[in-house]
């Protein structure tokens, strides 16, 4: 029977922590793979539009740096 369908008992706390940790790990891995794919797509797009690999890499780094900065500022705004 699935953990969430069982009555809660004293020993279940560790099981729930394990489930939560597994979820966080899986989500982090998914987010990293998505970021890697997004960078690859952006890099390919710049190259297909005529940029050299070096130019494309600089453009991608600049774009993603701006995006990461915006996300950080947005996150901090929510935290505080």
PDB file of N, CA and C in Angstrom:
ATOM      1  N   UNK A   1       0.847  -1.167   0.000  1.00  0.00           N
ATOM      2  CA  UNK A   1       0.000   0.000   0.000  1.00  0.00           C
ATOM      3  C   UNK A   1       0.900   1.240   0.000  1.00  0.00           C
ATOM      4  N   UNK A   2       0.514   2.248  -0.709  1.00  0.00           N
ATOM      5  CA  UNK A   2       1.292   3.479  -0.782  1.00  0.00           C
ATOM      6  C   UNK A   2       1.358   4.146   0.583  1.00  0.00           C
ATOM      7  N   UNK A   3       2.461   4.824   0.818  1.00  0.00           N
ATOM      8  CA  UNK A   3       2.685   5.472   2.103  1.00  0.00           C
ATOM      9  C   UNK A   3       1.576   6.451   2.466  1.00  0.00           C
ATOM     10  N   UNK A   4       1.114   7.223   1.486  1.00  0.00           N
ATOM     11  CA  UNK A   4       0.098   8.240   1.788  1.00  0.00           C
ATOM     12  C   UNK A   4      -1.286   7.651   2.043  1.00  0.00           C
ATOM     13  N   UNK A   5      -1.473   6.362   1.816  1.00  0.00           N
ATOM     14  CA  UNK A   5      -2.773   5.725   2.046  1.00  0.00           C
ATOM     15  C   UNK A   5      -2.810   4.978   3.375  1.00  0.00           C
ATOM     16  N   UNK A   6      -1.694   4.963   4.086  1.00  0.00           N
ATOM     17  CA  UNK A   6      -1.622   4.262   5.360  1.00  0.00           C
ATOM     18  C   UNK A   6      -1.922   5.222   6.504  1.00  0.00           C
ATOM     19  N   UNK A   7      -2.471   4.711   7.604  1.00  0.00           N
ATOM     20  CA  UNK A   7      -2.671   5.566   8.776  1.00  0.00           C
ATOM     21  C   UNK A   7      -1.317   6.030   9.306  1.00  0.00           C
ATOM     22  N   UNK A   8      -1.253   7.258   9.772  1.00  0.00           N
ATOM     23  CA  UNK A   8      -0.015   7.833  10.274  1.00  0.00           C
ATOM     24  C   UNK A   8       0.324   7.227  11.628  1.00  0.00           C
ATOM     25  N   UNK A   9       1.571   6.794  11.757  1.00  0.00           N
ATOM     26  CA  UNK A   9       2.040   6.265  13.040  1.00  0.00           C
ATOM     27  C   UNK A   9       3.380   6.917  13.364  1.00  0.00           C
ATOM     28  N   UNK A  10       3.896   6.645  14.522  1.00  0.00           N
ATOM     29  CA  UNK A  10       5.132   7.273  14.986  1.00  0.00           C
ATOM     30  C   UNK A  10       6.318   6.974  14.076  1.00  0.00           C
ATOM     31  N   UNK A  11       6.397   5.819  13.497  1.00  0.00           N
ATOM     32  CA  UNK A  11       7.529   5.432  12.669  1.00  0.00           C
ATOM     33  C   UNK A  11       7.490   5.989  11.260  1.00  0.00           C
ATOM     34  N   UNK A  12       6.392   6.619  10.897  1.00  0.00           N
ATOM     35  CA  UNK A  12       6.240   7.096   9.523  1.00  0.00           C
ATOM     36  C   UNK A  12       6.989   8.387   9.227  1.00  0.00           C
ATOM     37  N   UNK A  13       7.417   9.099  10.256  1.00  0.00           N
ATOM     38  CA  UNK A  13       8.081  10.384  10.031  1.00  0.00           C
ATOM     39  C   UNK A  13       9.312  10.225   9.146  1.00  0.00           C
ATOM     40  N   UNK A  14      10.143   9.213   9.416  1.00  0.00           N
ATOM     41  CA  UNK A  14      11.341   9.000   8.616  1.00  0.00           C
ATOM     42  C   UNK A  14      10.975   8.589   7.189  1.00  0.00           C
ATOM     43  N   UNK A  15       9.947   7.799   7.050  1.00  0.00           N
ATOM     44  CA  UNK A  15       9.515   7.396   5.706  1.00  0.00           C
ATOM     45  C   UNK A  15       9.080   8.609   4.903  1.00  0.00           C
ATOM     46  N   UNK A  16       8.347   9.520   5.533  1.00  0.00           N
ATOM     47  CA  UNK A  16       7.918  10.739   4.847  1.00  0.00           C
ATOM     48  C   UNK A  16       9.107  11.635   4.509  1.00  0.00           C
ATOM     49  N   UNK A  17      10.091  11.702   5.404  1.00  0.00           N
ATOM     50  CA  UNK A  17      11.302  12.477   5.128  1.00  0.00           C
ATOM     51  C   UNK A  17      12.034  11.900   3.921  1.00  0.00           C
ATOM     52  N   UNK A  18      12.079  10.567   3.842  1.00  0.00           N
ATOM     53  CA  UNK A  18      12.714   9.916   2.700  1.00  0.00           C
ATOM     54  C   UNK A  18      11.990  10.242   1.401  1.00  0.00           C
ATOM     55  N   UNK A  19      10.667  10.222   1.440  1.00  0.00           N
ATOM     56  CA  UNK A  19       9.871  10.556   0.256  1.00  0.00           C
ATOM     57  C   UNK A  19      10.137  11.994  -0.161  1.00  0.00           C
ATOM     58  N   UNK A  20      10.144  12.904   0.804  1.00  0.00           N
ATOM     59  CA  UNK A  20      10.383  14.311   0.517  1.00  0.00           C
ATOM     60  C   UNK A  20      11.789  14.532  -0.043  1.00  0.00           C
ATOM     61  N   UNK A  21      12.781  13.894   0.542  1.00  0.00           N
ATOM     62  CA  UNK A  21      14.149  14.020   0.041  1.00  0.00           C
ATOM     63  C   UNK A  21      14.287  13.473  -1.378  1.00  0.00           C
ATOM     64  N   UNK A  22      13.630  12.363  -1.647  1.00  0.00           N
ATOM     65  CA  UNK A  22      13.654  11.776  -2.989  1.00  0.00           C
ATOM     66  C   UNK A  22      12.994  12.716  -3.988  1.00  0.00           C
ATOM     67  N   UNK A  23      11.882  13.310  -3.599  1.00  0.00           N
ATOM     68  CA  UNK A  23      11.187  14.272  -4.460  1.00  0.00           C
ATOM     69  C   UNK A  23      12.095  15.464  -4.769  1.00  0.00           C
ATOM     70  N   UNK A  24      12.725  16.014  -3.740  1.00  0.00           N
ATOM     71  CA  UNK A  24      13.613  17.167  -3.938  1.00  0.00           C
ATOM     72  C   UNK A  24      14.782  16.824  -4.851  1.00  0.00           C
ATOM     73  N   UNK A  25      15.360  15.654  -4.660  1.00  0.00           N
ATOM     74  CA  UNK A  25      16.489  15.219  -5.493  1.00  0.00           C
ATOM     75  C   UNK A  25      16.046  15.064  -6.942  1.00  0.00           C
ATOM     76  N   UNK A  26      14.911  14.425  -7.158  1.00  0.00           N
ATOM     77  CA  UNK A  26      14.396  14.219  -8.513  1.00  0.00           C
ATOM     78  C   UNK A  26      14.079  15.546  -9.177  1.00  0.00           C
ATOM     79  N   UNK A  27      13.485  16.454  -8.430  1.00  0.00           N
ATOM     80  CA  UNK A  27      13.144  17.772  -8.985  1.00  0.00           C
ATOM     81  C   UNK A  27      14.405  18.558  -9.347  1.00  0.00           C
ATOM     82  N   UNK A  28      15.417  18.506  -8.511  1.00  0.00           N
ATOM     83  CA  UNK A  28      16.674  19.197  -8.780  1.00  0.00           C
ATOM     84  C   UNK A  28      17.325  18.635 -10.044  1.00  0.00           C
ATOM     85  N   UNK A  29      17.347  17.308 -10.166  1.00  0.00           N
ATOM     86  CA  UNK A  29      17.921  16.678 -11.356  1.00  0.00           C
ATOM     87  C   UNK A  29      17.150  17.081 -12.609  1.00  0.00           C
ATOM     88  N   UNK A  30      15.829  17.128 -12.512  1.00  0.00           N
ATOM     89  CA  UNK A  30      14.995  17.542 -13.640  1.00  0.00           C
ATOM     90  C   UNK A  30      15.282  18.983 -14.034  1.00  0.00           C
ATOM     91  N   UNK A  31      15.397  19.859 -13.044  1.00  0.00           N
ATOM     92  CA  UNK A  31      15.670  21.264 -13.314  1.00  0.00           C
ATOM     93  C   UNK A  31      17.030  21.449 -13.977  1.00  0.00           C
ATOM     94  N   UNK A  32      18.035  20.680 -13.534  1.00  0.00           N
ATOM     95  CA  UNK A  32      19.357  20.764 -14.147  1.00  0.00           C
ATOM     96  C   UNK A  32      19.325  20.292 -15.600  1.00  0.00           C
ATOM     97  N   UNK A  33      18.621  19.207 -15.865  1.00  0.00           N
ATOM     98  CA  UNK A  33      18.501  18.706 -17.236  1.00  0.00           C
ATOM     99  C   UNK A  33      17.767  19.711 -18.111  1.00  0.00           C
ATOM    100  N   UNK A  34      16.733  20.334 -17.587  1.00  0.00           N
ATOM    101  CA  UNK A  34      15.992  21.330 -18.350  1.00  0.00           C
ATOM    102  C   UNK A  34      16.873  22.533 -18.670  1.00  0.00           C
ATOM    103  N   UNK A  35      17.649  22.994 -17.700  1.00  0.00           N
ATOM    104  CA  UNK A  35      18.550  24.123 -17.921  1.00  0.00           C
ATOM    105  C   UNK A  35      19.597  23.772 -18.976  1.00  0.00           C
ATOM    106  N   UNK A  36      20.100  22.553 -18.918  1.00  0.00           N
ATOM    107  CA  UNK A  36      21.083  22.095 -19.906  1.00  0.00           C
ATOM    108  C   UNK A  36      20.468  22.073 -21.303  1.00  0.00           C
ATOM    109  N   UNK A  37      19.263  21.592 -21.419  1.00  0.00           N
ATOM    110  CA  UNK A  37      18.566  21.557 -22.704  1.00  0.00           C
ATOM    111  C   UNK A  37      18.271  22.964 -23.205  1.00  0.00           C
ATOM    112  N   UNK A  38      17.842  23.849 -22.327  1.00  0.00           N
ATOM    113  CA  UNK A  38      17.570  25.239 -22.712  1.00  0.00           C
ATOM    114  C   UNK A  38      18.823  25.913 -23.262  1.00  0.00           C
ATOM    115  N   UNK A  39      19.962  25.698 -22.612  1.00  0.00           N
ATOM    116  CA  UNK A  39      21.229  26.273 -23.087  1.00  0.00           C
ATOM    117  C   UNK A  39      21.592  25.713 -24.459  1.00  0.00           C
ATOM    118  N   UNK A  40      21.417  24.412 -24.626  1.00  0.00           N
ATOM    119  CA  UNK A  40      21.751  23.772 -25.899  1.00  0.00           C
ATOM    120  C   UNK A  40      20.868  24.314 -27.034  1.00  0.00           C
ATOM    121  N   UNK A  41      19.594  24.480 -26.762  1.00  0.00           N
ATOM    122  CA  UNK A  41      18.669  25.012 -27.769  1.00  0.00           C
ATOM    123  C   UNK A  41      19.047  26.445 -28.128  1.00  0.00           C
ATOM    124  N   UNK A  42      19.338  27.259 -27.115  1.00  0.00           N
ATOM    125  CA  UNK A  42      19.723  28.649 -27.373  1.00  0.00           C
ATOM    126  C   UNK A  42      21.026  28.706 -28.177  1.00  0.00           C
ATOM    127  N   UNK A  43      22.002  27.916 -27.796  1.00  0.00           N
ATOM    128  CA  UNK A  43      23.281  27.877 -28.502  1.00  0.00           C
ATOM    129  C   UNK A  43      23.078  27.462 -29.954  1.00  0.00           C
ATOM    130  N   UNK A  44      22.292  26.431 -30.171  1.00  0.00           N
ATOM    131  CA  UNK A  44      22.011  25.969 -31.537  1.00  0.00           C
ATOM    132  C   UNK A  44      21.320  27.045 -32.349  1.00  0.00           C
ATOM    133  N   UNK A  45      20.391  27.759 -31.742  1.00  0.00           N
ATOM    134  CA  UNK A  45      19.675  28.822 -32.434  1.00  0.00           C
ATOM    135  C   UNK A  45      20.612  29.929 -32.899  1.00  0.00           C
ATOM    136  N   UNK A  46      21.522  30.350 -32.037  1.00  0.00           N
ATOM    137  CA  UNK A  46      22.484  31.388 -32.423  1.00  0.00           C
ATOM    138  C   UNK A  46      23.391  30.899 -33.557  1.00  0.00           C
ATOM    139  N   UNK A  47      23.837  29.661 -33.476  1.00  0.00           N
ATOM    140  CA  UNK A  47      24.703  29.116 -34.520  1.00  0.00           C
ATOM    141  C   UNK A  47      23.943  29.025 -35.844  1.00  0.00           C
ATOM    142  N   UNK A  48      22.696  28.591 -35.786  1.00  0.00           N
ATOM    143  CA  UNK A  48      21.885  28.495 -37.009  1.00  0.00           C
ATOM    144  C   UNK A  48      21.637  29.871 -37.621  1.00  0.00           C
ATOM    145  N   UNK A  49      21.679  30.924 -36.812  1.00  0.00           N
ATOM    146  CA  UNK A  49      21.491  32.288 -37.312  1.00  0.00           C
ATOM    147  C   UNK A  49      22.803  32.921 -37.768  1.00  0.00           C
ATOM    148  N   UNK A  50      23.875  32.151 -37.783  1.00  0.00           N
ATOM    149  CA  UNK A  50      25.125  32.632 -38.349  1.00  0.00           C
ATOM    150  C   UNK A  50      26.213  32.997 -37.367  1.00  0.00           C
ATOM    151  N   UNK A  51      25.978  32.873 -36.087  1.00  0.00           N
ATOM    152  CA  UNK A  51      27.026  33.169 -35.102  1.00  0.00           C
ATOM    153  C   UNK A  51      28.047  32.040 -35.073  1.00  0.00           C
ATOM    154  N   UNK A  52      29.294  32.398 -34.768  1.00  0.00           N
ATOM    155  CA  UNK A  52      30.300  31.357 -34.537  1.00  0.00           C
ATOM    156  C   UNK A  52      29.993  30.706 -33.188  1.00  0.00           C
ATOM    157  N   UNK A  53      30.637  29.575 -32.927  1.00  0.00           N
ATOM    158  CA  UNK A  53      30.407  28.911 -31.637  1.00  0.00           C
ATOM    159  C   UNK A  53      30.797  29.820 -30.476  1.00  0.00           C
ATOM    160  N   UNK A  54      31.904  30.541 -30.635  1.00  0.00           N
ATOM    161  CA  UNK A  54      32.368  31.426 -29.575  1.00  0.00           C
ATOM    162  C   UNK A  54      31.371  32.563 -29.345  1.00  0.00           C
ATOM    163  N   UNK A  55      30.877  33.168 -30.434  1.00  0.00           N
ATOM    164  CA  UNK A  55      29.884  34.238 -30.309  1.00  0.00           C
ATOM    165  C   UNK A  55      28.610  33.708 -29.671  1.00  0.00           C
ATOM    166  N   UNK A  56      28.189  32.545 -30.136  1.00  0.00           N
ATOM    167  CA  UNK A  56      26.966  31.939 -29.613  1.00  0.00           C
ATOM    168  C   UNK A  56      27.103  31.658 -28.118  1.00  0.00           C
ATOM    169  N   UNK A  57      28.260  31.142 -27.722  1.00  0.00           N
ATOM    170  CA  UNK A  57      28.493  30.847 -26.305  1.00  0.00           C
ATOM    171  C   UNK A  57      28.436  32.121 -25.470  1.00  0.00           C
ATOM    172  N   UNK A  58      29.041  33.200 -25.955  1.00  0.00           N
ATOM    173  CA  UNK A  58      28.995  34.474 -25.228  1.00  0.00           C
ATOM    174  C   UNK A  58      27.562  34.986 -25.102  1.00  0.00           C
ATOM    175  N   UNK A  59      26.809  34.894 -26.199  1.00  0.00           N
ATOM    176  CA  UNK A  59      25.421  35.368 -26.176  1.00  0.00           C
ATOM    177  C   UNK A  59      24.577  34.546 -25.202  1.00  0.00           C
ATOM    178  N   UNK A  60      24.775  33.245 -25.230  1.00  0.00           N
ATOM    179  CA  UNK A  60      24.016  32.371 -24.325  1.00  0.00           C
ATOM    180  C   UNK A  60      24.392  32.682 -22.878  1.00  0.00           C
ATOM    181  N   UNK A  61      25.684  32.814 -22.609  1.00  0.00           N
ATOM    182  CA  UNK A  61      26.117  33.120 -21.239  1.00  0.00           C
ATOM    183  C   UNK A  61      25.542  34.443 -20.759  1.00  0.00           C
ATOM    184  N   UNK A  62      25.543  35.446 -21.631  1.00  0.00           N
ATOM    185  CA  UNK A  62      25.000  36.753 -21.275  1.00  0.00           C
ATOM    186  C   UNK A  62      23.494  36.647 -21.018  1.00  0.00           C
ATOM    187  N   UNK A  63      22.788  35.953 -21.888  1.00  0.00           N
ATOM    188  CA  UNK A  63      21.330  35.800 -21.736  1.00  0.00           C
ATOM    189  C   UNK A  63      20.979  35.050 -20.461  1.00  0.00           C
ATOM    190  N   UNK A  64      21.663  33.932 -20.222  1.00  0.00           N
ATOM    191  CA  UNK A  64      21.334  33.127 -19.057  1.00  0.00           C
ATOM    192  C   UNK A  64      21.781  33.797 -17.772  1.00  0.00           C
ATOM    193  N   UNK A  65      22.833  34.582 -17.825  1.00  0.00           N
ATOM    194  CA  UNK A  65      23.260  35.336 -16.652  1.00  0.00           C
ATOM    195  C   UNK A  65      22.176  36.335 -16.261  1.00  0.00           C
ATOM    196  N   UNK A  66      21.602  37.007 -17.249  1.00  0.00           N
ATOM    197  CA  UNK A  66      20.522  37.966 -16.997  1.00  0.00           C
ATOM    198  C   UNK A  66      19.291  37.253 -16.436  1.00  0.00           C
ATOM    199  N   UNK A  67      18.955  36.114 -17.001  1.00  0.00           N
ATOM    200  CA  UNK A  67      17.791  35.345 -16.534  1.00  0.00           C
ATOM    201  C   UNK A  67      18.014  34.898 -15.091  1.00  0.00           C
ATOM    202  N   UNK A  68      19.210  34.361 -14.798  1.00  0.00           N
ATOM    203  CA  UNK A  68      19.497  33.899 -13.436  1.00  0.00           C
ATOM    204  C   UNK A  68      19.449  35.047 -12.443  1.00  0.00           C
ATOM    205  N   UNK A  69      19.947  36.216 -12.837  1.00  0.00           N
ATOM    206  CA  UNK A  69      19.898  37.388 -11.965  1.00  0.00           C
ATOM    207  C   UNK A  69      18.447  37.786 -11.695  1.00  0.00           C
ATOM    208  N   UNK A  70      17.622  37.777 -12.725  1.00  0.00           N
ATOM    209  CA  UNK A  70      16.215  38.142 -12.563  1.00  0.00           C
ATOM    210  C   UNK A  70      15.497  37.165 -11.644  1.00  0.00           C
ATOM    211  N   UNK A  71      15.798  35.893 -11.795  1.00  0.00           N
ATOM    212  CA  UNK A  71      15.160  34.877 -10.957  1.00  0.00           C
ATOM    213  C   UNK A  71      15.593  35.072  -9.504  1.00  0.00           C
ATOM    214  N   UNK A  72      16.876  35.355  -9.278  1.00  0.00           N
ATOM    215  CA  UNK A  72      17.377  35.557  -7.924  1.00  0.00           C
ATOM    216  C   UNK A  72      16.703  36.757  -7.271  1.00  0.00           C
ATOM    217  N   UNK A  73      16.606  37.860  -7.988  1.00  0.00           N
ATOM    218  CA  UNK A  73      15.960  39.057  -7.449  1.00  0.00           C
ATOM    219  C   UNK A  73      14.485  38.764  -7.164  1.00  0.00           C
ATOM    220  N   UNK A  74      13.826  38.072  -8.084  1.00  0.00           N
ATOM    221  CA  UNK A  74      12.411  37.721  -7.896  1.00  0.00           C
ATOM    222  C   UNK A  74      12.253  36.834  -6.659  1.00  0.00           C
ATOM    223  N   UNK A  75      13.136  35.846  -6.505  1.00  0.00           N
ATOM    224  CA  UNK A  75      13.081  34.945  -5.367  1.00  0.00           C
ATOM    225  C   UNK A  75      13.285  35.713  -4.065  1.00  0.00           C
ATOM    226  N   UNK A  76      14.290  36.586  -4.032  1.00  0.00           N
ATOM    227  CA  UNK A  76      14.542  37.364  -2.826  1.00  0.00           C
ATOM    228  C   UNK A  76      13.353  38.254  -2.473  1.00  0.00           C
ATOM    229  N   UNK A  77      12.685  38.775  -3.489  1.00  0.00           N
ATOM    230  CA  UNK A  77      11.496  39.580  -3.251  1.00  0.00           C
ATOM    231  C   UNK A  77      10.402  38.779  -2.581  1.00  0.00           C
ATOM    232  N   UNK A  78      10.284  37.516  -2.919  1.00  0.00           N
ATOM    233  CA  UNK A  78       9.264  36.669  -2.303  1.00  0.00           C
ATOM    234  C   UNK A  78       9.650  36.274  -0.875  1.00  0.00           C
ATOM    235  N   UNK A  79      10.951  36.082  -0.656  1.00  0.00           N
ATOM    236  CA  UNK A  79      11.412  35.650   0.663  1.00  0.00           C
ATOM    237  C   UNK A  79      11.269  36.767   1.682  1.00  0.00           C
ATOM    238  N   UNK A  80      11.578  37.994   1.262  1.00  0.00           N
ATOM    239  CA  UNK A  80      11.544  39.117   2.190  1.00  0.00           C
ATOM    240  C   UNK A  80      10.316  39.896   1.923  1.00  0.00           C
TER     241      UNK A  80
END
